[in-house]
Protein backbone atom coordinates (compact mmCIF):
# COMPACT_ATOMS: atom_id res chain seq x y z
CA MET A 1 0.00 0.00 0.00
CA ALA A 2 1.39 3.43 -0.93
CA THR A 3 2.34 5.71 1.96
CA SER A 4 1.63 8.94 0.07
CA GLU A 5 -0.74 10.22 -2.54
CA TYR A 6 0.04 9.62 -6.22
CA PHE A 7 2.32 12.26 -7.81
CA HIS A 8 4.37 12.34 -11.01
CA GLY A 9 7.34 14.73 -10.70
CA THR A 10 9.88 16.00 -8.16
CA ARG A 11 9.07 17.27 -4.70
CA VAL A 12 11.16 18.37 -1.70
CA PHE A 13 10.16 17.54 1.85
CA LYS A 14 11.69 18.93 5.02
CA THR A 15 13.12 16.04 7.03
CA GLY A 16 15.10 15.65 10.22
CA GLU A 17 15.58 18.30 12.90
CA GLU A 18 17.90 21.28 12.96
CA PRO A 19 19.43 22.83 16.07
CA ARG A 20 17.90 26.16 17.09
CA PRO A 21 19.78 29.09 18.60
CA ILE A 22 19.35 29.77 22.33
CA SER A 23 19.28 33.35 23.58
CA THR A 24 19.65 34.57 27.14
CA LEU A 25 16.78 36.60 28.55
CA GLU A 26 17.13 40.01 30.15
CA TYR A 27 19.13 39.52 33.34
CA SER A 28 19.42 43.12 34.62
CA THR A 29 15.79 44.19 35.02
CA ILE A 30 15.19 45.73 38.43
CA GLY A 31 11.98 45.08 40.33
CA ALA A 32 11.31 48.04 42.62
CA ILE A 33 8.63 48.50 45.24
CA VAL A 34 7.79 52.21 45.18
CA VAL A 35 5.84 54.11 47.81
CA ALA A 36 4.76 57.26 45.98
CA PRO A 37 1.90 59.12 47.70
CA GLU A 38 1.81 61.81 44.98
CA ALA A 39 1.83 59.45 41.98
CA ASP A 40 -0.57 59.75 39.07
CA PRO A 41 -2.84 56.70 39.59
CA ASP A 42 -3.64 56.50 35.87
CA VAL A 43 0.05 56.00 35.04
CA PHE A 44 0.92 53.95 38.11
CA PRO A 45 -2.10 52.09 39.47
CA GLU A 46 -1.51 50.47 42.82
CA HIS A 47 -0.24 46.88 42.88
CA GLU A 48 0.24 46.76 39.11
CA PRO A 49 3.67 45.98 37.61
CA ILE A 50 4.53 48.82 35.23
CA THR A 51 7.73 48.49 33.19
CA ILE A 52 9.56 51.75 32.52
CA PHE A 53 13.11 52.91 31.87
CA SER A 54 14.95 55.03 34.40
CA SER A 55 15.79 57.60 31.70
CA ASP A 56 12.11 58.23 30.89
CA ALA A 57 11.82 61.52 32.74
CA ALA A 58 8.17 62.14 31.89
CA THR A 59 7.04 58.78 33.24
CA VAL A 60 9.22 59.01 36.33
CA THR A 61 7.80 62.49 37.00
CA ALA A 62 4.34 60.90 37.17
CA LEU A 63 5.47 59.22 40.40
CA GLY A 64 5.79 62.61 42.06
CA THR A 65 8.03 63.12 45.07
CA GLY A 66 8.05 61.75 48.58
CA GLY A 67 7.95 58.17 49.73
CA ASN A 68 11.00 56.31 48.43
CA VAL A 69 10.95 57.62 44.84
CA ALA A 70 14.37 59.27 45.16
CA GLU A 71 15.81 56.20 46.89
CA VAL A 72 14.90 54.20 43.78
CA PHE A 73 15.26 56.45 40.74
CA ASP A 74 17.90 58.98 41.76
CA ALA A 75 19.89 56.13 43.24
CA ILE A 76 19.78 54.00 40.08
CA ASN A 77 20.42 56.90 37.69
CA ASP A 78 23.46 57.94 39.73
CA GLN A 79 25.16 54.74 38.54
CA ARG A 80 24.89 55.51 34.83
CA SER A 81 27.97 55.21 32.67
CA GLU A 82 28.97 55.08 29.03
CA GLU A 83 27.75 51.47 28.78
CA PHE A 84 24.74 51.94 31.05
CA THR A 85 22.43 54.81 30.12
CA ALA A 86 19.13 53.49 31.47
CA ALA A 87 17.83 50.63 33.58
CA GLU A 88 14.69 48.67 32.84
CA ILE A 89 12.59 48.83 36.01
CA VAL A 90 9.40 47.00 36.90
CA VAL A 91 7.65 49.42 39.25
CA VAL A 92 5.05 48.17 41.70
CA ARG A 93 3.46 51.08 43.52
CA VAL A 94 1.95 50.34 46.90
CA PRO A 95 -0.08 52.71 49.08
CA GLU A 96 1.52 54.34 52.06
CA GLY A 97 0.14 53.05 55.34
CA THR A 98 -1.95 55.19 57.64
CA GLY A 99 -1.64 55.54 61.40
CA THR A 100 -1.34 57.90 64.32
CA THR A 101 2.40 57.29 64.85
CA PRO A 102 5.34 56.93 62.44
CA GLN A 103 5.84 53.33 63.60
CA GLU A 104 2.21 52.46 62.92
CA LYS A 105 2.40 54.02 59.46
CA LEU A 106 5.62 52.11 58.75
CA GLU A 107 4.16 48.77 59.79
CA LYS A 108 1.04 49.27 57.69
CA THR A 109 3.13 50.32 54.70
CA ILE A 110 5.20 47.15 55.10
CA ALA A 111 1.97 45.15 55.26
CA ASN A 112 0.90 46.74 51.95
CA ILE A 113 4.28 45.83 50.42
CA VAL A 114 3.98 42.22 51.60
CA GLY A 115 0.59 42.08 49.90
CA SER A 116 -1.14 38.82 49.03
CA GLY A 117 -0.49 35.99 46.62
CA SER A 118 -4.23 35.50 46.10
CA ASN A 119 -4.63 38.81 44.26
CA TYR A 120 -1.02 39.46 43.22
CA SER A 121 -0.73 42.57 45.38
CA GLY A 122 2.46 44.00 46.86
CA VAL A 123 5.62 42.09 45.98
CA HIS A 124 3.51 39.31 44.45
CA ALA A 125 2.79 41.65 41.52
CA PHE A 126 6.31 40.94 40.25
CA LEU A 127 5.16 37.43 39.35
CA HIS A 128 2.89 38.60 36.55
CA ALA A 129 5.10 41.34 35.14
CA LYS A 130 5.72 41.12 31.39
CA SER A 131 9.43 41.68 32.05
CA ARG A 132 10.71 39.29 34.69
CA PRO A 133 12.68 41.33 37.24
CA LYS A 134 15.99 39.84 38.35
CA ILE A 135 17.11 42.34 41.00
CA LEU A 136 14.47 43.03 43.66
CA ILE A 137 14.55 46.07 45.96
CA ALA A 138 12.30 47.99 48.32
CA PRO A 139 14.54 50.78 49.66
CA GLY A 140 13.50 52.02 53.08
CA TYR A 141 11.43 48.97 53.93
CA THR A 142 13.84 46.04 54.17
CA SER A 143 15.99 46.97 57.18
CA GLN A 144 13.43 46.71 59.97
CA ARG A 145 13.13 43.67 62.24
CA LEU A 146 9.57 44.00 63.49
CA GLY A 147 9.08 42.23 66.79
CA ASP A 148 12.69 41.00 66.70
CA MET A 149 11.85 38.84 63.68
CA LYS A 150 12.93 38.69 60.07
CA ASN A 151 11.98 41.67 57.95
CA PRO A 152 8.54 40.85 56.47
CA VAL A 153 9.35 42.22 53.01
CA MET A 154 12.52 40.16 52.66
CA ALA A 155 10.70 37.12 54.03
CA GLU A 156 7.92 37.48 51.45
CA LEU A 157 10.48 37.83 48.68
CA ASP A 158 12.00 34.43 49.50
CA ALA A 159 9.67 32.33 47.35
CA ILE A 160 9.22 35.08 44.77
CA SER A 161 12.95 35.40 44.15
CA ARG A 162 13.23 31.62 43.71
CA ARG A 163 10.31 31.59 41.28
CA LEU A 164 11.77 34.45 39.24
CA ARG A 165 15.39 33.27 39.53
CA ALA A 166 16.12 36.71 40.97
CA ILE A 167 18.24 38.11 43.77
CA LYS A 168 16.98 40.43 46.47
CA ILE A 169 19.06 43.24 47.92
CA GLY A 170 18.36 43.97 51.57
CA ASP A 171 19.48 46.92 53.67
CA ALA A 172 20.81 45.58 56.94
CA PRO A 173 20.56 47.99 59.90
CA ALA A 174 23.15 50.74 59.72
CA ALA A 175 23.42 51.58 63.43
CA SER A 176 26.11 49.05 64.35
CA LYS A 177 27.87 45.95 63.14
CA GLU A 178 26.15 43.92 65.84
CA ALA A 179 22.69 45.00 64.65
CA ALA A 180 23.66 44.17 61.07
CA VAL A 181 24.82 40.67 62.00
CA GLU A 182 21.65 40.05 64.02
CA TYR A 183 19.72 40.94 60.87
CA GLN A 184 21.86 38.63 58.71
CA GLU A 185 21.18 35.71 61.02
CA ASP A 186 17.58 35.79 59.79
CA PHE A 187 18.96 34.47 56.46
CA PRO A 188 20.57 31.17 57.55
CA ASP A 189 20.66 29.68 54.04
CA ASP A 190 19.66 32.04 51.27
CA PRO A 191 21.69 32.08 48.03
CA ARG A 192 19.48 34.87 46.67
CA ALA A 193 20.01 37.36 49.50
CA TYR A 194 22.65 40.07 49.07
CA LEU A 195 22.75 42.23 52.18
CA ILE A 196 24.39 45.65 52.51
CA THR A 197 25.29 47.85 55.47
CA PRO A 198 25.53 50.77 56.31
CA GLY A 199 23.47 53.42 54.54
CA VAL A 200 24.88 56.10 52.25
CA MET A 201 24.97 59.88 52.54
CA VAL A 202 23.76 61.87 49.55
CA SER A 203 23.16 65.56 48.90
CA GLY A 204 19.65 66.54 49.91
CA PRO A 205 17.41 69.17 48.28
CA ASP A 206 19.01 71.91 50.40
CA GLY A 207 22.52 70.69 49.65
CA LEU A 208 23.00 69.15 53.08
CA PRO A 209 23.86 65.44 53.36
CA VAL A 210 20.98 63.09 54.08
CA MET A 211 21.04 59.37 54.73
CA GLN A 212 19.49 56.91 52.26
CA PRO A 213 19.40 53.12 52.16
CA ALA A 214 22.13 51.74 49.91
CA SER A 215 20.04 49.09 48.11
CA GLY A 216 18.85 51.34 45.27
CA ARG A 217 22.36 52.38 44.38
CA VAL A 218 23.69 48.86 44.71
CA ALA A 219 20.96 47.65 42.32
CA GLY A 220 22.05 50.30 39.83
CA LEU A 221 25.63 49.20 40.29
CA PHE A 222 24.66 45.60 39.44
CA VAL A 223 23.13 46.85 36.19
CA ARG A 224 26.15 49.01 35.38
CA ARG A 225 28.45 46.05 35.92
CA ASP A 226 26.23 43.79 33.78
CA LYS A 227 26.20 46.24 30.90
CA ALA A 228 29.96 46.83 31.04
CA ASN A 229 30.68 43.08 30.94
CA MET A 230 27.74 42.01 28.76
CA GLY A 231 26.47 39.54 31.31
CA PRO A 232 25.67 38.91 34.98
CA HIS A 233 28.84 36.90 35.55
CA CYS A 234 30.96 39.60 37.26
CA SER A 235 30.69 40.66 40.88
CA PRO A 236 29.76 44.29 41.62
CA SER A 237 32.25 44.36 44.48
CA ASN A 238 35.18 46.79 44.43
CA GLN A 239 33.24 49.27 42.28
CA ALA A 240 32.58 52.91 43.10
CA ILE A 241 28.99 53.76 44.07
CA GLY A 242 27.89 56.87 42.21
CA GLY A 243 26.13 59.85 43.79
CA VAL A 244 27.30 59.40 47.38
CA VAL A 245 29.22 61.85 49.51
CA GLY A 246 29.96 59.35 52.26
CA VAL A 247 28.49 56.61 54.42
CA SER A 248 26.17 56.84 57.40
CA ARG A 249 28.77 55.15 59.59
CA PRO A 250 32.48 54.90 58.79
CA ILE A 251 33.66 51.35 58.08
CA ALA A 252 37.31 50.62 58.87
CA TYR A 253 39.29 48.77 56.22
CA TYR A 254 43.06 48.23 56.06
CA ASP A 255 44.77 46.56 53.12
CA GLY A 256 46.22 43.21 54.14
CA GLU A 257 44.69 43.32 57.63
CA PRO A 258 41.97 40.76 58.47
CA ASP A 259 41.16 42.39 61.81
CA CYS A 260 38.99 45.26 60.59
CA GLU A 261 35.27 45.89 60.48
CA ALA A 262 34.91 45.55 56.71
CA ASN A 263 36.43 42.06 56.77
CA TRP A 264 34.36 41.13 59.83
CA LEU A 265 31.15 42.14 58.06
CA ASN A 266 32.12 40.26 54.88
CA GLN A 267 32.90 37.20 57.00
CA HIS A 268 29.31 37.40 58.27
CA ARG A 269 27.97 37.56 54.69
CA LEU A 270 27.32 41.29 54.72
CA ALA A 271 28.52 43.55 51.93
CA THR A 272 29.69 46.95 53.05
CA ILE A 273 31.18 50.21 51.80
CA ILE A 274 34.83 51.14 52.22
CA ASP A 275 36.69 54.35 51.43
CA ASN A 276 33.31 56.16 51.63
CA SER A 277 32.11 54.92 48.22
CA ILE A 278 33.49 51.47 47.27
CA LEU A 279 31.10 48.51 47.44
CA TRP A 280 32.93 45.68 49.19
CA GLY A 281 31.50 42.16 49.28
CA ASN A 282 30.92 39.21 46.93
CA GLU A 283 28.86 36.85 49.05
CA THR A 284 25.30 35.64 49.39
CA CYS A 285 23.84 34.10 52.52
CA ALA A 286 24.04 30.53 51.15
CA VAL A 287 25.25 27.59 53.21
CA ASP A 288 26.33 25.66 50.12
CA PRO A 289 29.82 26.93 49.22
CA LEU A 290 28.99 26.46 45.53
CA ASP A 291 26.36 29.21 45.91
CA ARG A 292 28.64 31.45 47.92
CA PHE A 293 29.25 34.19 45.34
CA ILE A 294 26.53 36.43 43.97
CA ASN A 295 27.90 36.51 40.42
CA VAL A 296 28.06 32.70 40.31
CA VAL A 297 24.41 32.44 41.35
CA ARG A 298 23.32 35.03 38.78
CA ALA A 299 25.32 33.46 35.93
CA GLN A 300 23.86 30.01 36.68
CA ASP A 301 20.36 31.48 36.82
CA ALA A 302 20.74 33.24 33.46
CA ILE A 303 22.02 30.08 31.76
CA ASP A 304 19.46 27.73 33.30
CA GLU A 305 16.54 30.03 32.53
CA ALA A 306 17.66 30.41 28.92
CA VAL A 307 17.79 26.62 28.56
CA ALA A 308 14.40 26.14 30.20
CA LYS A 309 12.79 28.71 27.88
CA ALA A 310 14.52 27.67 24.67
CA TYR A 311 13.04 24.28 23.90
CA ARG A 312 9.32 24.82 23.60
CA TRP A 313 9.80 24.16 19.89
CA ALA A 314 10.76 20.55 20.71
CA ILE A 315 7.72 19.69 22.83
CA ALA A 316 5.23 17.29 21.18
CA LYS A 317 7.62 16.30 18.40
CA ASN A 318 8.44 12.59 18.05
CA ASN A 319 10.91 11.45 20.70
CA SER A 320 13.49 10.38 18.14
CA VAL A 321 17.21 10.37 17.40
CA PRO A 322 17.07 13.43 15.10
CA LEU A 323 15.17 15.42 17.73
CA ALA A 324 17.62 14.48 20.52
CA VAL A 325 20.58 15.36 18.31
CA ALA A 326 19.09 18.74 17.45
CA ILE A 327 18.50 19.52 21.12
CA ILE A 328 22.02 18.46 22.08
CA GLU A 329 23.63 20.47 19.29
CA SER A 330 21.59 23.55 20.21
CA LEU A 331 22.68 23.36 23.83
CA ASP A 332 26.30 22.64 22.90
CA ASP A 333 26.35 25.74 20.69
CA PHE A 334 24.84 27.84 23.48
CA LEU A 335 27.42 26.65 25.99
CA SER A 336 30.17 27.54 23.52
CA ASP A 337 28.68 31.04 23.25
CA VAL A 338 28.65 31.66 27.01
CA ILE A 339 32.17 30.22 27.31
CA ASN A 340 33.41 32.68 24.69
CA ALA A 341 31.53 35.50 26.43
CA GLY A 342 33.42 34.75 29.66
CA TRP A 343 30.38 33.66 31.65
CA ILE A 344 31.72 30.20 32.44
CA ILE A 345 35.03 28.36 32.40
CA ASP A 346 33.62 25.43 30.44
CA GLY A 347 30.49 23.36 29.95
CA ARG A 348 29.27 20.30 28.09
CA VAL A 349 26.09 18.37 27.33
CA TRP A 350 25.62 14.60 27.16
CA PHE A 351 23.10 11.75 27.06
CA GLU A 352 23.21 9.33 29.99
CA ARG A 353 21.61 6.04 29.07
CA ALA A 354 21.04 4.92 32.66
CA LEU A 355 18.73 7.91 33.21
CA ASN A 356 16.72 7.18 30.06
CA SER A 357 15.00 3.83 30.44
CA ASN A 358 12.97 2.37 27.62
CA ALA A 359 9.86 2.94 29.72
CA ASN A 360 10.66 6.63 30.15
CA LEU A 361 11.47 7.10 26.47
CA ALA A 362 8.20 5.35 25.58
CA SER A 363 6.42 7.70 27.98
CA GLY A 364 7.72 10.70 26.07
CA ILE A 365 10.49 11.53 28.57
CA LEU A 366 13.95 12.49 27.37
CA ARG A 367 16.59 13.54 29.90
CA LEU A 368 19.84 15.22 28.89
CA GLU A 369 22.64 16.30 31.23
CA TYR A 370 24.71 19.47 31.07
CA ASP A 371 27.20 21.19 33.30
CA ARG A 372 28.53 24.76 33.51
CA GLU A 373 31.09 26.24 35.84
CA PRO A 374 31.02 30.03 36.34
CA TYR A 375 34.11 31.90 37.48
CA ALA A 376 34.45 32.63 41.18
CA PRO A 377 35.59 36.20 41.88
CA LEU A 378 39.10 36.65 43.24
CA GLN A 379 38.25 36.87 46.92
CA ASP A 380 41.57 36.45 48.70
CA LEU A 381 44.75 37.41 46.85
CA GLN A 382 47.70 36.08 48.85
CA PHE A 383 51.41 36.79 48.45
CA GLY A 384 54.17 34.98 50.30
CA ALA A 385 56.87 37.53 51.21
CA ARG A 386 60.35 36.24 52.10
CA ARG A 387 63.82 37.56 52.87
CA ASN A 388 66.75 36.42 50.73
CA VAL A 389 70.16 37.60 51.98
CA GLY A 390 71.73 35.81 49.02
CA TYR A 391 70.78 38.87 46.96
CA TYR A 392 73.66 40.68 48.72
CA GLU A 393 75.91 38.78 46.34
CA GLN A 394 74.69 41.26 43.73
CA VAL A 395 75.68 44.14 46.01
CA ALA A 396 79.14 42.69 46.58
CA GLU A 397 79.63 42.11 42.85
CA GLY A 398 78.50 45.66 42.17
CA ILE A 399 80.99 47.08 44.69
CA THR A 400 83.78 45.01 43.17
CA ARG A 401 83.03 46.22 39.65
CA ALA A 402 82.76 49.82 40.83
CA VAL A 403 86.21 49.67 42.53
CA GLU A 404 87.73 48.14 39.41
CA GLN A 405 86.29 50.94 37.31
CA ILE A 406 87.60 53.56 39.74
CA ASN A 407 91.07 52.06 39.68
CA ALA A 408 91.01 51.89 35.90
CA SER A 409 89.93 55.49 35.44
CA ARG A 410 91.70 57.41 38.22
CA THR A 411 95.24 58.78 37.42
CA ARG A 412 97.52 61.44 38.85
CA VAL A 413 100.26 63.48 37.25
CA THR A 414 103.66 63.81 38.95
CA TYR A 415 106.61 65.46 37.19
CA GLY A 416 104.67 65.11 33.94
CA ILE A 417 104.40 61.33 34.23
CA ASN A 418 100.94 59.69 34.35
CA THR A 419 100.65 56.87 36.84
CA ASP A 420 97.77 55.03 38.40
CA LEU A 421 97.12 54.95 42.11
CA THR A 422 99.29 51.88 42.59
CA GLY A 423 102.29 53.22 40.67
CA THR A 424 105.44 54.85 42.07
CA ILE A 425 107.00 58.23 41.43
């Protein structure tokens, strides 16, 4: 029986499967909780994720002043550079809380930021944003430990950051190193938490220095670093924070000296600021040493998300050799691209027969393995300094040569006869 309809002539049919290119998604989008009591509600409705660019002055103006608008937008824009002219920001505006005391207003504002997963309010609004934010901040509302417990905003961002493959930047208390460490202890194993202390001093409207939380500027610094290196694979540490005139509390740092506050804070998984403007700290709050560095976590996230998103084209095709080969070649090409871009040291993809039983293959399941190893940042540069008195041999040889040259060149004249210093008259 014929397997196709009758035809007399030549036809071409597409057969087999071709590898498809894999592209990374945006990895520098900031998700910002904004409390803006003077905002235009038509432009920024409450609890709705609105994607804007930090350079869009007209749209930013619609947020008005007050709340934490400056702590988000001025802070991010102060980090702009030749490579980084604007940040993509998912803005979620939440209402300011009401109350008879500042503390009551603060707690109700924090409750509005926490929101609810049932109606996607507060921080949950990030989950249905068209642009998936990767750097989450809520300047002014992440440093408080209400009732001696973990900050509610940072706690609510735990599951959201995992779902989005995002990091969250928290402002640890600025008052003392002990208060900052007490805050950090609320994050016993969190590879997505990057904590910063103290706050920064910036020029206020009257020209006098005012304190602001550092998280907005640190978020902008992440974006600046990403744009300069064309990827999220480099740590923002040891970079100058733009727009600051100092820090809210001086942090001691001495080159080569472990016993200083900056090193003590870093040891407790807290980033800090040295020399009044230099961000100093590479580490997350992860227990697993493989998730220790923030750039490693972000590079892995960007690669894994790109892979997860890339293969929808393969779903529902026949589970066959050509399809598997096309998938493998696509992933191998992608890993080569990120290797050449400097994101990872190396990576490979392979098929492991033991993980692909006949029953699984017959059930439409295909499992492929891949690895990728991002670069750790240089955290501890060590030099071994030694004495070597044998080098004095060079000094002795130099003295010997110098004396020989002196003896060869020095003469004196006596009775018209030239002699050297060892001659006789």
